[in-house]
Amino acid sequence: MTQPPPRTLAEEFRADPLGRHSPPLQRLLYLFRGSPLEGKYALVHGENAGTLLLAQLSGRRDKGITVLPDQRFHSRAEAEWEVFCRRWKQFFGEELDREGQ
């Protein structure tokens, strides 16, 4: 694990997960999004319109994805924040406060 970046980057993402991001946050998102597929968290559309589900990728075509059915979101921003928090934990070993930052 590498040294975590300043938590201000997490705060910036939390404040506007779908908007424009600063160059340091962009670099962090490239790191997260460019990681190997195995174990990577992703969002999938649920059966009901507007529902997003958290899934974990296997990294193998023959295995598919694992949907985490207890992780349902009705807001894309909320879903993106959950994925960001999980990726932060994977990369840096630290939990982010999902309610605050």
N, C-alpha and C. Protein backbone atom coordinates (compact mmCIF):
# COMPACT_ATOMS: atom_id res chain seq x y z
N MET A 1 0.83 -1.19 0.00
CA MET A 1 0.00 0.00 0.00
C MET A 1 0.87 1.24 0.00
N THR A 2 0.38 2.23 -0.67
CA THR A 2 1.12 3.49 -0.73
C THR A 2 0.54 4.46 0.27
N GLN A 3 1.29 5.53 0.46
CA GLN A 3 0.85 6.59 1.35
C GLN A 3 -0.43 7.22 0.81
N PRO A 4 -1.46 7.38 1.64
CA PRO A 4 -2.70 7.99 1.14
C PRO A 4 -2.50 9.46 0.82
N PRO A 5 -3.22 9.95 -0.17
CA PRO A 5 -3.17 11.38 -0.48
C PRO A 5 -3.92 12.17 0.60
N PRO A 6 -3.85 13.47 0.53
CA PRO A 6 -4.58 14.28 1.52
C PRO A 6 -6.08 13.97 1.45
N ARG A 7 -6.70 13.94 2.61
CA ARG A 7 -8.14 13.66 2.66
C ARG A 7 -8.97 14.78 2.03
N THR A 8 -8.35 15.89 1.77
CA THR A 8 -9.08 16.96 1.08
C THR A 8 -9.54 16.50 -0.30
N LEU A 9 -8.81 15.54 -0.90
CA LEU A 9 -9.23 15.01 -2.20
C LEU A 9 -10.52 14.21 -2.05
N ALA A 10 -10.64 13.46 -0.96
CA ALA A 10 -11.89 12.74 -0.69
C ALA A 10 -13.03 13.73 -0.46
N GLU A 11 -12.75 14.80 0.26
CA GLU A 11 -13.76 15.82 0.52
C GLU A 11 -14.21 16.47 -0.79
N GLU A 12 -13.25 16.74 -1.67
CA GLU A 12 -13.58 17.33 -2.97
C GLU A 12 -14.48 16.39 -3.77
N PHE A 13 -14.15 15.11 -3.78
CA PHE A 13 -14.97 14.15 -4.53
C PHE A 13 -16.36 14.04 -3.92
N ARG A 14 -16.43 13.97 -2.59
CA ARG A 14 -17.72 13.85 -1.90
C ARG A 14 -18.62 15.04 -2.21
N ALA A 15 -18.04 16.23 -2.29
CA ALA A 15 -18.82 17.44 -2.54
C ALA A 15 -19.41 17.46 -3.95
N ASP A 16 -18.72 16.85 -4.92
CA ASP A 16 -19.21 16.89 -6.30
C ASP A 16 -18.65 15.69 -7.07
N PRO A 17 -19.20 14.49 -6.82
CA PRO A 17 -18.63 13.29 -7.44
C PRO A 17 -18.79 13.23 -8.96
N LEU A 18 -19.73 13.97 -9.50
CA LEU A 18 -19.98 13.91 -10.94
C LEU A 18 -19.49 15.14 -11.69
N GLY A 19 -18.87 16.06 -10.98
CA GLY A 19 -18.46 17.31 -11.61
C GLY A 19 -17.00 17.32 -12.06
N ARG A 20 -16.51 18.52 -12.35
CA ARG A 20 -15.10 18.69 -12.71
C ARG A 20 -14.26 18.54 -11.45
N HIS A 21 -13.07 17.97 -11.63
CA HIS A 21 -12.20 17.73 -10.49
C HIS A 21 -10.85 18.39 -10.70
N SER A 22 -10.20 18.69 -9.60
CA SER A 22 -8.86 19.29 -9.66
C SER A 22 -7.88 18.28 -10.25
N PRO A 23 -6.74 18.75 -10.76
CA PRO A 23 -5.74 17.82 -11.30
C PRO A 23 -5.30 16.75 -10.30
N PRO A 24 -5.06 17.07 -9.01
CA PRO A 24 -4.68 15.99 -8.09
C PRO A 24 -5.77 14.94 -7.92
N LEU A 25 -7.02 15.36 -7.87
CA LEU A 25 -8.11 14.39 -7.76
C LEU A 25 -8.25 13.59 -9.05
N GLN A 26 -8.06 14.21 -10.18
CA GLN A 26 -8.10 13.48 -11.46
C GLN A 26 -7.04 12.38 -11.48
N ARG A 27 -5.84 12.68 -11.00
CA ARG A 27 -4.77 11.67 -10.96
C ARG A 27 -5.17 10.50 -10.06
N LEU A 28 -5.79 10.82 -8.93
CA LEU A 28 -6.24 9.76 -8.02
C LEU A 28 -7.32 8.91 -8.68
N LEU A 29 -8.26 9.53 -9.37
CA LEU A 29 -9.32 8.79 -10.04
C LEU A 29 -8.75 7.93 -11.17
N TYR A 30 -7.75 8.42 -11.88
CA TYR A 30 -7.09 7.60 -12.92
C TYR A 30 -6.45 6.37 -12.29
N LEU A 31 -5.84 6.56 -11.13
CA LEU A 31 -5.23 5.44 -10.42
C LEU A 31 -6.30 4.40 -10.06
N PHE A 32 -7.40 4.87 -9.46
CA PHE A 32 -8.48 3.96 -9.07
C PHE A 32 -9.08 3.26 -10.29
N ARG A 33 -9.40 4.02 -11.30
CA ARG A 33 -10.11 3.48 -12.46
C ARG A 33 -9.21 2.63 -13.35
N GLY A 34 -7.91 2.83 -13.27
CA GLY A 34 -6.98 2.07 -14.10
C GLY A 34 -6.44 0.81 -13.44
N SER A 35 -6.95 0.51 -12.26
CA SER A 35 -6.46 -0.68 -11.55
C SER A 35 -6.94 -1.95 -12.25
N PRO A 36 -6.29 -3.07 -11.96
CA PRO A 36 -6.71 -4.35 -12.56
C PRO A 36 -8.18 -4.64 -12.25
N LEU A 37 -8.83 -5.36 -13.14
CA LEU A 37 -10.26 -5.62 -12.99
C LEU A 37 -10.59 -6.53 -11.82
N GLU A 38 -9.74 -7.47 -11.52
CA GLU A 38 -10.06 -8.42 -10.44
C GLU A 38 -10.25 -7.69 -9.11
N GLY A 39 -11.42 -7.85 -8.53
CA GLY A 39 -11.74 -7.24 -7.25
C GLY A 39 -12.19 -5.80 -7.32
N LYS A 40 -12.21 -5.22 -8.50
CA LYS A 40 -12.58 -3.83 -8.66
C LYS A 40 -14.09 -3.66 -8.43
N TYR A 41 -14.45 -2.58 -7.75
CA TYR A 41 -15.86 -2.27 -7.53
C TYR A 41 -16.40 -1.48 -8.71
N ALA A 42 -17.66 -1.74 -9.03
CA ALA A 42 -18.31 -1.07 -10.15
C ALA A 42 -19.80 -0.93 -9.82
N LEU A 43 -20.48 -0.14 -10.63
CA LEU A 43 -21.93 0.05 -10.47
C LEU A 43 -22.65 -0.58 -11.64
N VAL A 44 -23.78 -1.21 -11.35
CA VAL A 44 -24.63 -1.77 -12.39
C VAL A 44 -26.06 -1.30 -12.14
N HIS A 45 -26.84 -1.23 -13.21
CA HIS A 45 -28.23 -0.83 -13.08
C HIS A 45 -29.04 -1.97 -12.51
N GLY A 46 -29.93 -1.64 -11.58
CA GLY A 46 -30.80 -2.63 -10.98
C GLY A 46 -32.03 -2.89 -11.84
N GLU A 47 -32.88 -3.78 -11.36
CA GLU A 47 -34.10 -4.13 -12.09
C GLU A 47 -35.07 -2.95 -12.17
N ASN A 48 -35.11 -2.14 -11.12
CA ASN A 48 -35.99 -0.98 -11.10
C ASN A 48 -35.26 0.22 -11.69
N ALA A 49 -35.95 0.97 -12.49
CA ALA A 49 -35.35 2.17 -13.10
C ALA A 49 -34.84 3.10 -12.01
N GLY A 50 -33.65 3.59 -12.19
CA GLY A 50 -33.08 4.54 -11.24
C GLY A 50 -32.34 3.89 -10.09
N THR A 51 -32.31 2.59 -10.01
CA THR A 51 -31.61 1.91 -8.94
C THR A 51 -30.24 1.44 -9.44
N LEU A 52 -29.22 1.72 -8.66
CA LEU A 52 -27.88 1.25 -8.95
C LEU A 52 -27.47 0.25 -7.89
N LEU A 53 -26.76 -0.78 -8.31
CA LEU A 53 -26.26 -1.81 -7.39
C LEU A 53 -24.75 -1.82 -7.43
N LEU A 54 -24.16 -2.11 -6.29
CA LEU A 54 -22.71 -2.24 -6.22
C LEU A 54 -22.35 -3.66 -6.65
N ALA A 55 -21.31 -3.78 -7.45
CA ALA A 55 -20.85 -5.08 -7.91
C ALA A 55 -19.33 -5.13 -7.78
N GLN A 56 -18.82 -6.34 -7.79
CA GLN A 56 -17.37 -6.53 -7.77
C GLN A 56 -17.01 -7.39 -8.97
N LEU A 57 -16.01 -6.92 -9.72
CA LEU A 57 -15.59 -7.60 -10.93
C LEU A 57 -14.65 -8.75 -10.61
N SER A 58 -14.77 -9.83 -11.38
CA SER A 58 -13.92 -10.99 -11.17
C SER A 58 -12.60 -10.87 -11.92
N GLY A 59 -12.60 -10.10 -12.99
CA GLY A 59 -11.42 -10.00 -13.82
C GLY A 59 -11.30 -11.13 -14.82
N ARG A 60 -12.32 -12.00 -14.85
CA ARG A 60 -12.32 -13.14 -15.76
C ARG A 60 -13.65 -13.18 -16.52
N ARG A 61 -13.55 -13.37 -17.81
CA ARG A 61 -14.77 -13.42 -18.64
C ARG A 61 -15.69 -14.57 -18.26
N ASP A 62 -15.11 -15.69 -17.90
CA ASP A 62 -15.92 -16.86 -17.60
C ASP A 62 -16.58 -16.80 -16.22
N LYS A 63 -16.20 -15.82 -15.41
CA LYS A 63 -16.72 -15.73 -14.05
C LYS A 63 -17.74 -14.61 -13.86
N GLY A 64 -17.66 -13.57 -14.65
CA GLY A 64 -18.63 -12.48 -14.54
C GLY A 64 -18.41 -11.61 -13.33
N ILE A 65 -19.51 -11.02 -12.85
CA ILE A 65 -19.44 -10.10 -11.73
C ILE A 65 -20.24 -10.66 -10.56
N THR A 66 -19.95 -10.14 -9.38
CA THR A 66 -20.70 -10.48 -8.19
C THR A 66 -21.45 -9.23 -7.77
N VAL A 67 -22.77 -9.28 -7.81
CA VAL A 67 -23.59 -8.15 -7.38
C VAL A 67 -23.78 -8.26 -5.88
N LEU A 68 -23.59 -7.14 -5.19
CA LEU A 68 -23.78 -7.10 -3.75
C LEU A 68 -25.20 -6.57 -3.50
N PRO A 69 -26.18 -7.46 -3.37
CA PRO A 69 -27.58 -7.06 -3.37
C PRO A 69 -27.99 -6.14 -2.22
N ASP A 70 -27.23 -6.16 -1.13
CA ASP A 70 -27.59 -5.28 -0.01
C ASP A 70 -27.06 -3.86 -0.21
N GLN A 71 -26.40 -3.61 -1.32
CA GLN A 71 -25.86 -2.28 -1.62
C GLN A 71 -26.64 -1.68 -2.78
N ARG A 72 -27.77 -1.03 -2.47
CA ARG A 72 -28.65 -0.40 -3.47
C ARG A 72 -28.62 1.11 -3.29
N PHE A 73 -28.61 1.81 -4.40
CA PHE A 73 -28.55 3.26 -4.36
C PHE A 73 -29.58 3.85 -5.31
N HIS A 74 -30.19 4.95 -4.88
CA HIS A 74 -31.16 5.65 -5.72
C HIS A 74 -30.59 6.96 -6.23
N SER A 75 -29.37 7.24 -5.84
CA SER A 75 -28.68 8.45 -6.27
C SER A 75 -27.32 8.05 -6.85
N ARG A 76 -27.02 8.54 -8.03
CA ARG A 76 -25.72 8.22 -8.64
C ARG A 76 -24.58 8.78 -7.80
N ALA A 77 -24.77 9.98 -7.25
CA ALA A 77 -23.73 10.59 -6.43
C ALA A 77 -23.44 9.72 -5.20
N GLU A 78 -24.48 9.23 -4.56
CA GLU A 78 -24.32 8.36 -3.39
C GLU A 78 -23.59 7.07 -3.78
N ALA A 79 -23.95 6.49 -4.91
CA ALA A 79 -23.32 5.26 -5.38
C ALA A 79 -21.85 5.49 -5.70
N GLU A 80 -21.55 6.59 -6.38
CA GLU A 80 -20.15 6.91 -6.73
C GLU A 80 -19.32 7.12 -5.47
N TRP A 81 -19.90 7.74 -4.46
CA TRP A 81 -19.18 7.96 -3.21
C TRP A 81 -18.85 6.62 -2.55
N GLU A 82 -19.79 5.67 -2.57
CA GLU A 82 -19.54 4.35 -1.99
C GLU A 82 -18.38 3.66 -2.72
N VAL A 83 -18.38 3.71 -4.03
CA VAL A 83 -17.29 3.09 -4.80
C VAL A 83 -15.97 3.78 -4.47
N PHE A 84 -15.97 5.09 -4.40
CA PHE A 84 -14.76 5.84 -4.07
C PHE A 84 -14.23 5.40 -2.70
N CYS A 85 -15.10 5.29 -1.71
CA CYS A 85 -14.68 4.88 -0.36
C CYS A 85 -14.07 3.49 -0.36
N ARG A 86 -14.68 2.58 -1.10
CA ARG A 86 -14.17 1.21 -1.16
C ARG A 86 -12.82 1.15 -1.89
N ARG A 87 -12.69 1.92 -2.93
CA ARG A 87 -11.40 1.94 -3.65
C ARG A 87 -10.32 2.57 -2.79
N TRP A 88 -10.67 3.63 -2.06
CA TRP A 88 -9.72 4.26 -1.15
C TRP A 88 -9.21 3.22 -0.15
N LYS A 89 -10.11 2.45 0.42
CA LYS A 89 -9.75 1.40 1.39
C LYS A 89 -8.84 0.35 0.73
N GLN A 90 -9.17 -0.06 -0.49
CA GLN A 90 -8.34 -1.05 -1.20
C GLN A 90 -6.92 -0.54 -1.43
N PHE A 91 -6.81 0.71 -1.83
CA PHE A 91 -5.50 1.26 -2.18
C PHE A 91 -4.68 1.70 -0.98
N PHE A 92 -5.33 2.26 0.03
CA PHE A 92 -4.59 2.89 1.12
C PHE A 92 -4.80 2.25 2.48
N GLY A 93 -5.73 1.29 2.57
CA GLY A 93 -5.96 0.60 3.83
C GLY A 93 -6.66 1.41 4.89
N GLU A 94 -7.20 2.54 4.51
CA GLU A 94 -7.90 3.42 5.45
C GLU A 94 -9.38 3.51 5.08
N GLU A 95 -10.19 3.59 6.10
CA GLU A 95 -11.62 3.81 5.90
C GLU A 95 -11.89 5.30 5.79
N LEU A 96 -12.81 5.66 4.93
CA LEU A 96 -13.33 7.02 4.89
C LEU A 96 -14.69 7.01 5.56
N ASP A 97 -15.03 8.08 6.22
CA ASP A 97 -16.35 8.22 6.84
C ASP A 97 -17.38 8.40 5.72
N ARG A 98 -18.21 7.40 5.50
CA ARG A 98 -19.17 7.46 4.40
C ARG A 98 -20.25 8.52 4.62
N GLU A 99 -20.45 8.92 5.85
CA GLU A 99 -21.47 9.94 6.14
C GLU A 99 -20.91 11.36 5.95
N GLY A 100 -19.70 11.55 6.36
CA GLY A 100 -19.09 12.88 6.26
C GLY A 100 -18.07 12.92 5.15
N GLN A 101 -16.86 12.54 5.46
CA GLN A 101 -15.79 12.46 4.44
C GLN A 101 -14.95 11.25 4.64
